[in-house]
Amino acid sequence: MSSKKYVARSRVWFGILLFVLLTTYYLLPTAISHAQEVDILWQGDVYTPPFYEGRALWTNQSEITILAVPHIPGPNGEINPAGLTYKWWRNSTVLGTANGVGKNSITFTGSIIDRPQIIKIEILNSDGALLASASREFSPVAPGLLVYENNPLYGIIFNKEVGSSYKMTGSEITLVAIPLFFSSLERGPEFLKYSWRTNAGKTETTNSVTYRSPENTSGSARISVRVSNEDRITQSSERNFLLNFNENQ
């Protein structure tokens, strides 16, 4: 082979190699920054009080809604998620009726004894090719119960929960029970069952009660309040606290 032909071929191969290196250098960061991924969002379909800032948690026998938010880059930005195909799995079982184009959410109800549930989502294109996937484990929690003073002037004092003990500032006090994460539209006694008890044996069955302190007497009363959902036998919660009265009034 002549030296001129060798040099020409070397230049061709060098040019190809340089093109590959430059393409990799400039395009690889772009591909990484536009990776295909999917976020999983969720919330329990349960009761939370007005202005509640936390997440509505999933509890036994309650519903949970899970939403997939894909981020699939296209030539003009992210691909419209409504045109993608969603394939849902629950504990290694494909949820056939929940799958399809645009089906980016699922809802299911927990059983009486719930174990952790592993949910997986796969995002497919129109040809059935896998674009992105994600999975997450969900575990139910127990419902909760908060107790607050309902002041005649200021309303419910949400910034001060009763805790393990609470001091009366007058001759009477109204307390209100606020349930958390129950399968109920409202917290009223027509939706949930309440039971307030004192160590004197008095019982009330509303979600709000008023107590009056004995005259010329200082001391405390042990209060127990329980809330339950008669339609969901595992959903109940109970609180116990001391109510102190006539202390340095």
Foldseek 3Di string as FASTA:
>chain_A
DDPVVVVVVVVVVVVVVVVVVVCCVPCVVVCVVQAKEKDKDKAWLFDDDPPDDDGQFAAAFTKMKIFIGIAHQDPVGGDDQQQKWKWKDKPNHTPVVQTGRNSGMDMDTHHLDHDKIKMKMFIAHPVRDTRYMDIDIGDHDAKEKWKFWQDPVPGTPVVDTQPQEHEDPDQKTKMFMGIGNHNFPDDWCVFKWKWKAKPVGDIDTTRMDMDGDDPPDWDKIKMKMKIAGPVRHRHIYMDIHIYTYPDVD
